[in-house]
Amino acid sequence: MLLNATIDPAIDSLSKFAKNKKIPEQYQKPILTALSHFPELKDVHIVFRIRKQYTPLTTKPDLASVFKRKNYRTYIITISNQTIDTLKRLLFQNLTFEEQVGVVGHELSHVVDFNSKNFPQSIGIGIGHLSKKYLDRMEFNTDLICIQHGLGQYLLAYSKHVRKAMNVHNWRGADYVNKGNGNGKYERYMNPETIEKYMAASPSHQ
């Protein structure tokens, strides 16, 4: 549900995508815009919450719902409002509208992926997080899901912002801020040129 009683016309036209969603009032427009590209999430329960945390955004299933059937699960997307100085330019509040839609689209793509898994497969995801190569493949595929849902231009804007803000080419995530990202062969998150390549091949961007 929406948290405010009165909404502007732009948000009103997107309000149908708010079913079973808890959305912070100040971020309704970018979140609902991203949700409008994911019709399969129409009935899925998703809680968007604001917390102080190191990583700018994270997505996870609600622990109590992991054992439930897909239609009864709840997912939590946490938006950080405070982090270390190095990552402050990546905070949601410091992004443009297009960049906000792009990163929310990426997080919703995680929900699409998680929600397609049965319980044993979900356990496999948890185990897979112990492998850097697994995480590389998972995040890359998540970006691909985002592009396939027609959010390539938004994801591209966010990808360019991250690489400019962090002065890196291959961005491997907040955990690597103090370790160096390097220019290894694995793209954990798609580089701008890779996003453009997949957009060119995607029917949703023709």
N, C-alpha and C. Protein backbone atom coordinates (compact mmCIF):
# COMPACT_ATOMS: atom_id res chain seq x y z
N MET A 1 0.83 -1.19 0.00
CA MET A 1 0.00 0.00 0.00
C MET A 1 0.88 1.25 0.00
N LEU A 2 0.32 2.35 -0.49
CA LEU A 2 1.03 3.61 -0.44
C LEU A 2 0.91 4.20 0.96
N LEU A 3 1.91 4.99 1.35
CA LEU A 3 1.94 5.48 2.71
C LEU A 3 1.28 6.84 2.88
N ASN A 4 0.99 7.53 1.78
CA ASN A 4 0.37 8.85 1.92
C ASN A 4 -1.05 8.83 1.38
N ALA A 5 -1.82 9.79 1.81
CA ALA A 5 -3.23 9.81 1.43
C ALA A 5 -3.45 10.54 0.11
N THR A 6 -2.62 11.51 -0.22
CA THR A 6 -2.78 12.27 -1.46
C THR A 6 -1.52 12.10 -2.30
N ILE A 7 -1.71 11.86 -3.56
CA ILE A 7 -0.57 11.64 -4.46
C ILE A 7 -0.75 12.47 -5.71
N ASP A 8 0.36 12.82 -6.36
CA ASP A 8 0.26 13.64 -7.56
C ASP A 8 -0.20 12.78 -8.73
N PRO A 9 -0.63 13.41 -9.83
CA PRO A 9 -1.17 12.66 -10.97
C PRO A 9 -0.21 11.62 -11.55
N ALA A 10 1.08 11.95 -11.58
CA ALA A 10 2.05 11.01 -12.13
C ALA A 10 2.09 9.73 -11.31
N ILE A 11 2.06 9.87 -9.99
CA ILE A 11 2.06 8.71 -9.12
C ILE A 11 0.72 8.00 -9.17
N ASP A 12 -0.35 8.77 -9.28
CA ASP A 12 -1.69 8.18 -9.33
C ASP A 12 -1.82 7.20 -10.49
N SER A 13 -1.22 7.53 -11.63
CA SER A 13 -1.30 6.66 -12.80
C SER A 13 -0.51 5.36 -12.61
N LEU A 14 0.39 5.36 -11.63
CA LEU A 14 1.20 4.18 -11.36
C LEU A 14 0.73 3.41 -10.14
N SER A 15 -0.29 3.93 -9.46
CA SER A 15 -0.69 3.37 -8.16
C SER A 15 -1.15 1.92 -8.24
N LYS A 16 -1.59 1.48 -9.41
CA LYS A 16 -2.04 0.09 -9.54
C LYS A 16 -0.91 -0.90 -9.32
N PHE A 17 0.34 -0.42 -9.42
CA PHE A 17 1.48 -1.30 -9.22
C PHE A 17 1.91 -1.37 -7.75
N ALA A 18 1.15 -0.71 -6.88
CA ALA A 18 1.49 -0.66 -5.46
C ALA A 18 0.84 -1.77 -4.64
N LYS A 19 0.08 -2.63 -5.27
CA LYS A 19 -0.61 -3.70 -4.54
C LYS A 19 0.39 -4.58 -3.80
N ASN A 20 0.14 -4.80 -2.53
CA ASN A 20 0.99 -5.65 -1.69
C ASN A 20 2.42 -5.12 -1.54
N LYS A 21 2.56 -3.82 -1.72
CA LYS A 21 3.89 -3.20 -1.60
C LYS A 21 3.85 -2.14 -0.49
N LYS A 22 4.91 -2.03 0.26
CA LYS A 22 5.08 -0.96 1.24
C LYS A 22 6.22 -0.09 0.74
N ILE A 23 5.91 1.18 0.44
CA ILE A 23 6.85 2.04 -0.26
C ILE A 23 7.02 3.36 0.49
N PRO A 24 8.25 3.77 0.77
CA PRO A 24 8.46 5.08 1.41
C PRO A 24 7.89 6.19 0.54
N GLU A 25 7.19 7.11 1.17
CA GLU A 25 6.49 8.16 0.43
C GLU A 25 7.40 8.93 -0.53
N GLN A 26 8.61 9.27 -0.07
CA GLN A 26 9.48 10.13 -0.88
C GLN A 26 10.04 9.42 -2.12
N TYR A 27 9.92 8.10 -2.16
CA TYR A 27 10.48 7.36 -3.29
C TYR A 27 9.41 6.62 -4.10
N GLN A 28 8.18 7.03 -3.95
CA GLN A 28 7.09 6.34 -4.66
C GLN A 28 7.28 6.35 -6.18
N LYS A 29 7.61 7.51 -6.74
CA LYS A 29 7.64 7.61 -8.20
C LYS A 29 8.69 6.71 -8.84
N PRO A 30 9.98 6.74 -8.43
CA PRO A 30 10.94 5.84 -9.07
C PRO A 30 10.64 4.36 -8.80
N ILE A 31 10.17 4.04 -7.59
CA ILE A 31 9.89 2.64 -7.28
C ILE A 31 8.70 2.13 -8.08
N LEU A 32 7.62 2.93 -8.15
CA LEU A 32 6.46 2.50 -8.93
C LEU A 32 6.76 2.45 -10.42
N THR A 33 7.60 3.36 -10.89
CA THR A 33 8.01 3.32 -12.31
C THR A 33 8.73 2.02 -12.61
N ALA A 34 9.64 1.62 -11.74
CA ALA A 34 10.34 0.34 -11.93
C ALA A 34 9.36 -0.83 -11.83
N LEU A 35 8.49 -0.81 -10.85
CA LEU A 35 7.52 -1.90 -10.67
C LEU A 35 6.61 -2.07 -11.89
N SER A 36 6.34 -0.98 -12.60
CA SER A 36 5.45 -1.05 -13.76
C SER A 36 6.02 -1.93 -14.86
N HIS A 37 7.31 -2.24 -14.79
CA HIS A 37 7.96 -3.10 -15.79
C HIS A 37 7.98 -4.57 -15.37
N PHE A 38 7.40 -4.87 -14.21
CA PHE A 38 7.44 -6.24 -13.69
C PHE A 38 6.03 -6.74 -13.38
N PRO A 39 5.22 -7.01 -14.41
CA PRO A 39 3.84 -7.45 -14.18
C PRO A 39 3.75 -8.74 -13.37
N GLU A 40 4.78 -9.58 -13.43
CA GLU A 40 4.75 -10.84 -12.68
C GLU A 40 4.89 -10.63 -11.17
N LEU A 41 5.25 -9.41 -10.76
CA LEU A 41 5.37 -9.10 -9.34
C LEU A 41 4.14 -8.40 -8.79
N LYS A 42 3.08 -8.35 -9.58
CA LYS A 42 1.88 -7.59 -9.22
C LYS A 42 1.33 -8.00 -7.85
N ASP A 43 1.31 -9.27 -7.55
CA ASP A 43 0.72 -9.75 -6.30
C ASP A 43 1.76 -10.12 -5.24
N VAL A 44 3.03 -9.94 -5.56
CA VAL A 44 4.09 -10.33 -4.64
C VAL A 44 4.24 -9.27 -3.55
N HIS A 45 4.38 -9.72 -2.32
CA HIS A 45 4.56 -8.80 -1.19
C HIS A 45 6.02 -8.33 -1.14
N ILE A 46 6.20 -7.02 -1.24
CA ILE A 46 7.55 -6.44 -1.19
C ILE A 46 7.52 -5.25 -0.24
N VAL A 47 8.46 -5.24 0.69
CA VAL A 47 8.60 -4.13 1.63
C VAL A 47 9.87 -3.36 1.29
N PHE A 48 9.71 -2.09 0.94
CA PHE A 48 10.84 -1.20 0.74
C PHE A 48 11.04 -0.43 2.05
N ARG A 49 12.21 -0.52 2.62
CA ARG A 49 12.45 0.15 3.89
C ARG A 49 13.74 0.94 3.83
N ILE A 50 13.84 1.96 4.67
CA ILE A 50 15.02 2.82 4.74
C ILE A 50 15.75 2.51 6.05
N ARG A 51 17.03 2.19 5.93
CA ARG A 51 17.84 1.87 7.11
C ARG A 51 19.27 2.39 6.89
N LYS A 52 19.98 2.53 7.98
CA LYS A 52 21.41 2.81 7.89
C LYS A 52 22.13 1.48 7.69
N GLN A 53 22.83 1.35 6.55
CA GLN A 53 23.62 0.15 6.31
C GLN A 53 24.75 0.48 5.34
N TYR A 54 25.74 -0.36 5.34
CA TYR A 54 26.94 -0.12 4.53
C TYR A 54 26.64 -0.15 3.04
N THR A 55 25.94 -1.19 2.58
CA THR A 55 25.63 -1.34 1.17
C THR A 55 24.43 -0.47 0.79
N PRO A 56 24.53 0.32 -0.29
CA PRO A 56 23.44 1.25 -0.65
C PRO A 56 22.07 0.62 -0.81
N LEU A 57 21.99 -0.56 -1.45
CA LEU A 57 20.71 -1.27 -1.57
C LEU A 57 20.94 -2.77 -1.46
N THR A 58 20.01 -3.45 -0.82
CA THR A 58 20.07 -4.91 -0.73
C THR A 58 18.66 -5.47 -0.85
N THR A 59 18.58 -6.70 -1.33
CA THR A 59 17.30 -7.41 -1.44
C THR A 59 17.44 -8.79 -0.84
N LYS A 60 16.45 -9.19 -0.05
CA LYS A 60 16.47 -10.54 0.53
C LYS A 60 15.05 -10.98 0.82
N PRO A 61 14.82 -12.28 0.83
CA PRO A 61 13.50 -12.77 1.26
C PRO A 61 13.35 -12.56 2.76
N ASP A 62 12.14 -12.26 3.20
CA ASP A 62 11.88 -12.21 4.63
C ASP A 62 12.07 -13.62 5.19
N LEU A 63 12.87 -13.72 6.24
CA LEU A 63 13.26 -15.03 6.76
C LEU A 63 12.05 -15.90 7.10
N ALA A 64 11.02 -15.29 7.64
CA ALA A 64 9.84 -16.05 8.05
C ALA A 64 9.07 -16.63 6.87
N SER A 65 9.31 -16.07 5.66
CA SER A 65 8.54 -16.52 4.50
C SER A 65 9.34 -17.43 3.56
N VAL A 66 10.61 -17.69 3.90
CA VAL A 66 11.45 -18.51 3.03
C VAL A 66 10.85 -19.89 2.83
N PHE A 67 10.20 -20.42 3.85
CA PHE A 67 9.67 -21.77 3.80
C PHE A 67 8.28 -21.85 3.15
N LYS A 68 7.74 -20.69 2.80
CA LYS A 68 6.40 -20.66 2.22
C LYS A 68 6.45 -20.87 0.71
N ARG A 69 5.28 -21.16 0.15
CA ARG A 69 5.17 -21.24 -1.31
C ARG A 69 5.37 -19.86 -1.92
N LYS A 70 5.73 -19.86 -3.18
CA LYS A 70 6.12 -18.61 -3.85
C LYS A 70 5.08 -17.50 -3.68
N ASN A 71 3.82 -17.84 -3.80
CA ASN A 71 2.77 -16.82 -3.74
C ASN A 71 2.59 -16.19 -2.37
N TYR A 72 3.24 -16.76 -1.36
CA TYR A 72 3.06 -16.28 0.00
C TYR A 72 4.36 -15.72 0.60
N ARG A 73 5.35 -15.55 -0.21
CA ARG A 73 6.62 -15.02 0.29
C ARG A 73 6.59 -13.49 0.34
N THR A 74 7.45 -12.95 1.20
CA THR A 74 7.64 -11.50 1.28
C THR A 74 9.11 -11.20 1.07
N TYR A 75 9.39 -10.14 0.33
CA TYR A 75 10.77 -9.74 0.05
C TYR A 75 11.01 -8.35 0.62
N ILE A 76 12.22 -8.15 1.12
CA ILE A 76 12.58 -6.87 1.73
C ILE A 76 13.70 -6.22 0.93
N ILE A 77 13.44 -5.03 0.44
CA ILE A 77 14.46 -4.24 -0.26
C ILE A 77 14.83 -3.09 0.66
N THR A 78 16.08 -3.07 1.11
CA THR A 78 16.55 -2.06 2.04
C THR A 78 17.31 -0.97 1.31
N ILE A 79 16.89 0.25 1.51
CA ILE A 79 17.55 1.42 0.92
C ILE A 79 18.34 2.10 2.03
N SER A 80 19.63 2.19 1.86
CA SER A 80 20.46 2.80 2.89
C SER A 80 20.40 4.32 2.80
N ASN A 81 20.32 4.97 3.96
CA ASN A 81 20.36 6.43 3.98
C ASN A 81 21.66 6.97 4.58
N GLN A 82 22.54 6.06 5.02
CA GLN A 82 23.85 6.45 5.53
C GLN A 82 24.86 5.35 5.19
N THR A 83 26.09 5.76 4.88
CA THR A 83 27.14 4.79 4.61
C THR A 83 28.48 5.50 4.79
N ILE A 84 29.57 4.84 4.43
CA ILE A 84 30.88 5.47 4.53
C ILE A 84 31.01 6.55 3.47
N ASP A 85 31.93 7.48 3.68
CA ASP A 85 32.08 8.62 2.76
C ASP A 85 32.32 8.17 1.33
N THR A 86 33.09 7.11 1.14
CA THR A 86 33.43 6.64 -0.21
C THR A 86 32.20 6.25 -1.00
N LEU A 87 31.17 5.76 -0.32
CA LEU A 87 29.98 5.25 -1.01
C LEU A 87 28.81 6.23 -1.02
N LYS A 88 29.00 7.42 -0.46
CA LYS A 88 27.86 8.33 -0.32
C LYS A 88 27.24 8.73 -1.65
N ARG A 89 28.04 8.82 -2.69
CA ARG A 89 27.49 9.21 -4.00
C ARG A 89 26.59 8.13 -4.58
N LEU A 90 26.63 6.92 -4.00
CA LEU A 90 25.79 5.83 -4.48
C LEU A 90 24.51 5.68 -3.68
N LEU A 91 24.36 6.47 -2.61
CA LEU A 91 23.12 6.40 -1.84
C LEU A 91 21.93 6.79 -2.72
N PHE A 92 20.81 6.15 -2.50
CA PHE A 92 19.62 6.35 -3.32
C PHE A 92 19.22 7.82 -3.36
N GLN A 93 19.35 8.49 -2.25
CA GLN A 93 18.94 9.90 -2.16
C GLN A 93 19.81 10.82 -3.01
N ASN A 94 20.97 10.33 -3.42
CA ASN A 94 21.90 11.15 -4.21
C ASN A 94 21.88 10.80 -5.69
N LEU A 95 20.96 9.94 -6.11
CA LEU A 95 20.87 9.55 -7.51
C LEU A 95 19.82 10.38 -8.24
N THR A 96 19.96 10.47 -9.56
CA THR A 96 18.92 11.07 -10.37
C THR A 96 17.73 10.12 -10.45
N PHE A 97 16.61 10.60 -10.94
CA PHE A 97 15.42 9.76 -11.09
C PHE A 97 15.72 8.53 -11.94
N GLU A 98 16.39 8.74 -13.09
CA GLU A 98 16.70 7.62 -13.98
C GLU A 98 17.60 6.59 -13.30
N GLU A 99 18.57 7.07 -12.55
CA GLU A 99 19.47 6.16 -11.84
C GLU A 99 18.73 5.41 -10.73
N GLN A 100 17.81 6.08 -10.07
CA GLN A 100 17.01 5.42 -9.04
C GLN A 100 16.16 4.30 -9.64
N VAL A 101 15.53 4.58 -10.76
CA VAL A 101 14.71 3.55 -11.42
C VAL A 101 15.60 2.37 -11.83
N GLY A 102 16.79 2.68 -12.32
CA GLY A 102 17.71 1.62 -12.76
C GLY A 102 18.11 0.68 -11.64
N VAL A 103 18.48 1.25 -10.49
CA VAL A 103 18.94 0.39 -9.40
C VAL A 103 17.77 -0.35 -8.74
N VAL A 104 16.59 0.28 -8.68
CA VAL A 104 15.41 -0.44 -8.18
C VAL A 104 15.06 -1.57 -9.14
N GLY A 105 15.19 -1.32 -10.44
CA GLY A 105 14.95 -2.37 -11.42
C GLY A 105 15.86 -3.56 -11.21
N HIS A 106 17.12 -3.29 -10.88
CA HIS A 106 18.06 -4.37 -10.59
C HIS A 106 17.61 -5.15 -9.35
N GLU A 107 17.20 -4.45 -8.30
CA GLU A 107 16.77 -5.13 -7.08
C GLU A 107 15.49 -5.93 -7.32
N LEU A 108 14.57 -5.40 -8.10
CA LEU A 108 13.35 -6.14 -8.42
C LEU A 108 13.65 -7.36 -9.28
N SER A 109 14.70 -7.27 -10.07
CA SER A 109 15.12 -8.44 -10.86
C SER A 109 15.61 -9.55 -9.95
N HIS A 110 16.20 -9.18 -8.82
CA HIS A 110 16.55 -10.19 -7.80
C HIS A 110 15.28 -10.87 -7.29
N VAL A 111 14.25 -10.08 -7.05
CA VAL A 111 12.99 -10.65 -6.56
C VAL A 111 12.43 -11.63 -7.58
N VAL A 112 12.45 -11.25 -8.86
CA VAL A 112 11.98 -12.14 -9.92
C VAL A 112 12.76 -13.45 -9.89
N ASP A 113 14.06 -13.36 -9.75
CA ASP A 113 14.91 -14.55 -9.71
C ASP A 113 14.63 -15.38 -8.47
N PHE A 114 14.62 -14.74 -7.31
CA PHE A 114 14.36 -15.46 -6.05
C PHE A 114 12.99 -16.15 -6.09
N ASN A 115 11.99 -15.44 -6.60
CA ASN A 115 10.63 -15.95 -6.56
C ASN A 115 10.39 -17.09 -7.54
N SER A 116 11.33 -17.30 -8.45
CA SER A 116 11.21 -18.41 -9.40
C SER A 116 11.77 -19.71 -8.83
N LYS A 117 12.37 -19.62 -7.65
CA LYS A 117 13.04 -20.78 -7.04
C LYS A 117 12.15 -21.47 -6.01
N ASN A 118 12.25 -22.79 -5.96
CA ASN A 118 11.60 -23.53 -4.88
C ASN A 118 12.51 -23.50 -3.66
N PHE A 119 12.09 -24.14 -2.57
CA PHE A 119 12.85 -24.05 -1.33
C PHE A 119 14.27 -24.60 -1.46
N PRO A 120 14.47 -25.82 -2.01
CA PRO A 120 15.85 -26.32 -2.16
C PRO A 120 16.72 -25.41 -3.02
N GLN A 121 16.14 -24.84 -4.08
CA GLN A 121 16.90 -23.92 -4.93
C GLN A 121 17.26 -22.65 -4.18
N SER A 122 16.36 -22.20 -3.31
CA SER A 122 16.63 -21.02 -2.50
C SER A 122 17.80 -21.26 -1.55
N ILE A 123 17.85 -22.46 -0.98
CA ILE A 123 18.98 -22.82 -0.13
C ILE A 123 20.27 -22.81 -0.95
N GLY A 124 20.17 -23.26 -2.20
CA GLY A 124 21.33 -23.25 -3.09
C GLY A 124 21.86 -21.86 -3.34
N ILE A 125 20.96 -20.88 -3.41
CA ILE A 125 21.38 -19.49 -3.59
C ILE A 125 22.20 -19.04 -2.39
N GLY A 126 21.71 -19.39 -1.20
CA GLY A 126 22.43 -19.01 0.02
C GLY A 126 23.83 -19.60 0.05
N ILE A 127 23.95 -20.86 -0.33
CA ILE A 127 25.27 -21.50 -0.37
C ILE A 127 26.14 -20.87 -1.45
N GLY A 128 25.51 -20.55 -2.58
CA GLY A 128 26.25 -19.95 -3.69
C GLY A 128 26.90 -18.63 -3.35
N HIS A 129 26.34 -17.91 -2.38
CA HIS A 129 26.89 -16.62 -1.98
C HIS A 129 28.29 -16.74 -1.39
N LEU A 130 28.71 -17.94 -1.09
CA LEU A 130 30.06 -18.15 -0.58
C LEU A 130 31.09 -18.15 -1.70
N SER A 131 30.63 -18.20 -2.94
CA SER A 131 31.52 -18.25 -4.10
C SER A 131 31.51 -16.92 -4.85
N LYS A 132 32.68 -16.32 -5.04
CA LYS A 132 32.76 -15.05 -5.77
C LYS A 132 32.32 -15.22 -7.22
N LYS A 133 32.70 -16.35 -7.83
CA LYS A 133 32.31 -16.58 -9.23
C LYS A 133 30.80 -16.76 -9.34
N TYR A 134 30.20 -17.42 -8.36
CA TYR A 134 28.74 -17.57 -8.36
C TYR A 134 28.08 -16.19 -8.27
N LEU A 135 28.58 -15.34 -7.39
CA LEU A 135 28.01 -14.00 -7.25
C LEU A 135 28.19 -13.19 -8.52
N ASP A 136 29.33 -13.35 -9.19
CA ASP A 136 29.54 -12.67 -10.47
C ASP A 136 28.45 -13.07 -11.46
N ARG A 137 28.22 -14.37 -11.59
CA ARG A 137 27.21 -14.86 -12.54
C ARG A 137 25.81 -14.41 -12.15
N MET A 138 25.51 -14.46 -10.84
CA MET A 138 24.18 -14.11 -10.37
C MET A 138 23.87 -12.64 -10.63
N GLU A 139 24.80 -11.75 -10.28
CA GLU A 139 24.55 -10.32 -10.47
C GLU A 139 24.50 -9.95 -11.95
N PHE A 140 25.34 -10.59 -12.75
CA PHE A 140 25.33 -10.34 -14.19
C PHE A 140 23.98 -10.76 -14.77
N ASN A 141 23.49 -11.93 -14.35
CA ASN A 141 22.20 -12.40 -14.83
C ASN A 141 21.06 -11.51 -14.34
N THR A 142 21.21 -10.95 -13.14
CA THR A 142 20.20 -10.04 -12.61
C THR A 142 20.11 -8.79 -13.47
N ASP A 143 21.24 -8.26 -13.89
CA ASP A 143 21.23 -7.12 -14.82
C ASP A 143 20.55 -7.50 -16.13
N LEU A 144 20.77 -8.73 -16.58
CA LEU A 144 20.14 -9.19 -17.83
C LEU A 144 18.62 -9.24 -17.67
N ILE A 145 18.14 -9.74 -16.54
CA ILE A 145 16.70 -9.76 -16.27
C ILE A 145 16.14 -8.34 -16.32
N CYS A 146 16.87 -7.40 -15.74
CA CYS A 146 16.45 -6.00 -15.73
C CYS A 146 16.32 -5.46 -17.16
N ILE A 147 17.28 -5.75 -17.99
CA ILE A 147 17.25 -5.31 -19.40
C ILE A 147 16.08 -5.95 -20.12
N GLN A 148 15.87 -7.23 -19.89
CA GLN A 148 14.78 -7.95 -20.56
C GLN A 148 13.41 -7.40 -20.17
N HIS A 149 13.34 -6.70 -19.05
CA HIS A 149 12.08 -6.08 -18.63
C HIS A 149 11.96 -4.63 -19.10
N GLY A 150 12.83 -4.22 -20.01
CA GLY A 150 12.70 -2.91 -20.63
C GLY A 150 13.31 -1.76 -19.87
N LEU A 151 14.19 -2.06 -18.91
CA LEU A 151 14.78 -1.01 -18.08
C LEU A 151 16.24 -0.73 -18.43
N GLY A 152 16.64 -1.11 -19.62
CA GLY A 152 18.04 -0.97 -20.01
C GLY A 152 18.57 0.45 -19.92
N GLN A 153 17.78 1.43 -20.38
CA GLN A 153 18.26 2.82 -20.37
C GLN A 153 18.46 3.32 -18.94
N TYR A 154 17.59 2.90 -18.04
CA TYR A 154 17.71 3.29 -16.64
C TYR A 154 18.92 2.61 -15.99
N LEU A 155 19.07 1.32 -16.29
CA LEU A 155 20.22 0.59 -15.75
C LEU A 155 21.52 1.16 -16.29
N LEU A 156 21.51 1.57 -17.55
CA LEU A 156 22.69 2.17 -18.17
C LEU A 156 23.06 3.47 -17.45
N ALA A 157 22.07 4.28 -17.12
CA ALA A 157 22.34 5.54 -16.41
C ALA A 157 22.98 5.26 -15.06
N TYR A 158 22.47 4.26 -14.36
CA TYR A 158 23.03 3.91 -13.04
C TYR A 158 24.43 3.34 -13.18
N SER A 159 24.64 2.48 -14.16
CA SER A 159 25.95 1.87 -14.38
C SER A 159 27.01 2.93 -14.67
N LYS A 160 26.66 3.91 -15.48
CA LYS A 160 27.60 4.98 -15.79
C LYS A 160 27.90 5.81 -14.55
N HIS A 161 26.87 6.09 -13.76
CA HIS A 161 27.07 6.88 -12.54
C HIS A 161 28.01 6.17 -11.57
N VAL A 162 27.79 4.88 -11.35
CA VAL A 162 28.63 4.13 -10.42
C VAL A 162 30.08 4.15 -10.84
N ARG A 163 30.34 3.91 -12.11
CA ARG A 163 31.71 3.84 -12.59
C ARG A 163 32.41 5.19 -12.55
N LYS A 164 31.65 6.25 -12.79
CA LYS A 164 32.22 7.59 -12.68
C LYS A 164 32.47 7.95 -11.22
N ALA A 165 31.50 7.66 -10.37
CA ALA A 165 31.62 8.01 -8.94
C ALA A 165 32.74 7.25 -8.26
N MET A 166 32.91 5.98 -8.63
CA MET A 166 33.89 5.12 -7.98
C MET A 166 35.20 5.04 -8.75
N ASN A 167 35.25 5.64 -9.93
CA ASN A 167 36.46 5.65 -10.76
C ASN A 167 36.97 4.23 -11.02
N VAL A 168 36.05 3.36 -11.44
CA VAL A 168 36.40 1.98 -11.78
C VAL A 168 35.72 1.61 -13.10
N HIS A 169 36.22 0.55 -13.72
CA HIS A 169 35.56 0.05 -14.92
C HIS A 169 34.70 -1.16 -14.58
N ASN A 170 35.29 -2.17 -13.95
CA ASN A 170 34.53 -3.34 -13.53
C ASN A 170 34.13 -3.18 -12.07
N TRP A 171 32.87 -2.83 -11.83
CA TRP A 171 32.37 -2.62 -10.47
C TRP A 171 31.93 -3.95 -9.89
N ARG A 172 32.54 -4.34 -8.78
CA ARG A 172 32.24 -5.63 -8.17
C ARG A 172 31.46 -5.47 -6.86
N GLY A 173 31.04 -4.27 -6.52
CA GLY A 173 30.19 -4.09 -5.36
C GLY A 173 30.86 -3.40 -4.19
N ALA A 174 30.04 -3.01 -3.23
CA ALA A 174 30.52 -2.23 -2.09
C ALA A 174 31.56 -2.98 -1.26
N ASP A 175 31.48 -4.29 -1.24
CA ASP A 175 32.44 -5.07 -0.43
C ASP A 175 33.87 -4.93 -0.93
N TYR A 176 34.03 -4.44 -2.17
CA TYR A 176 35.36 -4.35 -2.76
C TYR A 176 35.94 -2.93 -2.71
N VAL A 177 35.22 -2.02 -2.06
CA VAL A 177 35.66 -0.63 -2.03
C VAL A 177 37.07 -0.49 -1.48
N ASN A 178 37.37 -1.20 -0.43
CA ASN A 178 38.69 -1.10 0.20
C ASN A 178 39.65 -2.20 -0.24
N LYS A 179 39.24 -2.98 -1.25
CA LYS A 179 40.08 -4.08 -1.73
C LYS A 179 40.54 -3.88 -3.16
N GLY A 180 39.94 -2.90 -3.83
CA GLY A 180 40.26 -2.70 -5.25
C GLY A 180 39.38 -3.56 -6.11
N ASN A 181 38.94 -3.01 -7.23
CA ASN A 181 38.05 -3.74 -8.13
C ASN A 181 38.79 -4.41 -9.27
N GLY A 182 39.88 -3.80 -9.68
CA GLY A 182 40.67 -4.41 -10.75
C GLY A 182 39.95 -4.43 -12.08
N ASN A 183 40.57 -5.02 -13.06
CA ASN A 183 39.98 -5.15 -14.39
C ASN A 183 39.95 -6.61 -14.80
N GLY A 184 39.52 -7.48 -13.87
CA GLY A 184 39.44 -8.90 -14.15
C GLY A 184 38.43 -9.20 -15.24
N LYS A 185 38.39 -10.46 -15.65
CA LYS A 185 37.53 -10.84 -16.77
C LYS A 185 36.05 -10.94 -16.38
N TYR A 186 35.78 -10.99 -15.07
CA TYR A 186 34.39 -11.14 -14.64
C TYR A 186 33.74 -9.78 -14.40
N GLU A 187 32.57 -9.59 -15.01
CA GLU A 187 31.76 -8.40 -14.75
C GLU A 187 30.69 -8.81 -13.76
N ARG A 188 30.85 -8.47 -12.51
CA ARG A 188 29.80 -8.80 -11.55
C ARG A 188 28.53 -8.03 -11.90
N TYR A 189 28.68 -6.76 -12.20
CA TYR A 189 27.57 -5.95 -12.70
C TYR A 189 27.97 -5.48 -14.10
N MET A 190 27.01 -5.49 -15.02
CA MET A 190 27.32 -5.18 -16.41
C MET A 190 27.93 -3.79 -16.55
N ASN A 191 28.99 -3.71 -17.34
CA ASN A 191 29.56 -2.42 -17.72
C ASN A 191 28.63 -1.75 -18.73
N PRO A 192 28.70 -0.43 -18.89
CA PRO A 192 27.80 0.27 -19.81
C PRO A 192 27.80 -0.31 -21.23
N GLU A 193 28.96 -0.63 -21.76
CA GLU A 193 29.00 -1.16 -23.13
C GLU A 193 28.33 -2.54 -23.21
N THR A 194 28.39 -3.31 -22.14
CA THR A 194 27.73 -4.61 -22.11
C THR A 194 26.22 -4.43 -22.06
N ILE A 195 25.75 -3.48 -21.26
CA ILE A 195 24.32 -3.18 -21.20
C ILE A 195 23.81 -2.79 -22.58
N GLU A 196 24.55 -1.93 -23.27
CA GLU A 196 24.14 -1.50 -24.61
C GLU A 196 24.08 -2.66 -25.58
N LYS A 197 25.02 -3.59 -25.45
CA LYS A 197 25.03 -4.77 -26.32
C LYS A 197 23.78 -5.62 -26.11
N TYR A 198 23.43 -5.85 -24.87
CA TYR A 198 22.25 -6.67 -24.59
C TYR A 198 20.95 -5.93 -24.91
N MET A 199 20.96 -4.62 -24.75
CA MET A 199 19.79 -3.84 -25.14
C MET A 199 19.54 -3.97 -26.64
N ALA A 200 20.61 -3.93 -27.42
CA ALA A 200 20.48 -4.02 -28.88
C ALA A 200 19.88 -5.35 -29.31
N ALA A 201 20.09 -6.37 -28.48
CA ALA A 201 19.59 -7.72 -28.82
C ALA A 201 18.26 -8.05 -28.14
N SER A 202 17.76 -7.13 -27.31
CA SER A 202 16.56 -7.42 -26.53
C SER A 202 15.30 -6.91 -27.25
N PRO A 203 14.30 -7.75 -27.44
CA PRO A 203 13.04 -7.31 -28.08
C PRO A 203 12.37 -6.17 -27.33
N SER A 204 12.59 -6.09 -26.02
CA SER A 204 11.94 -5.04 -25.22
C SER A 204 12.55 -3.66 -25.48
N HIS A 205 13.64 -3.61 -26.23
CA HIS A 205 14.28 -2.33 -26.54
C HIS A 205 14.31 -2.03 -28.04
N GLN A 206 13.53 -2.77 -28.80
CA GLN A 206 13.51 -2.53 -30.24
C GLN A 206 12.56 -1.40 -30.57
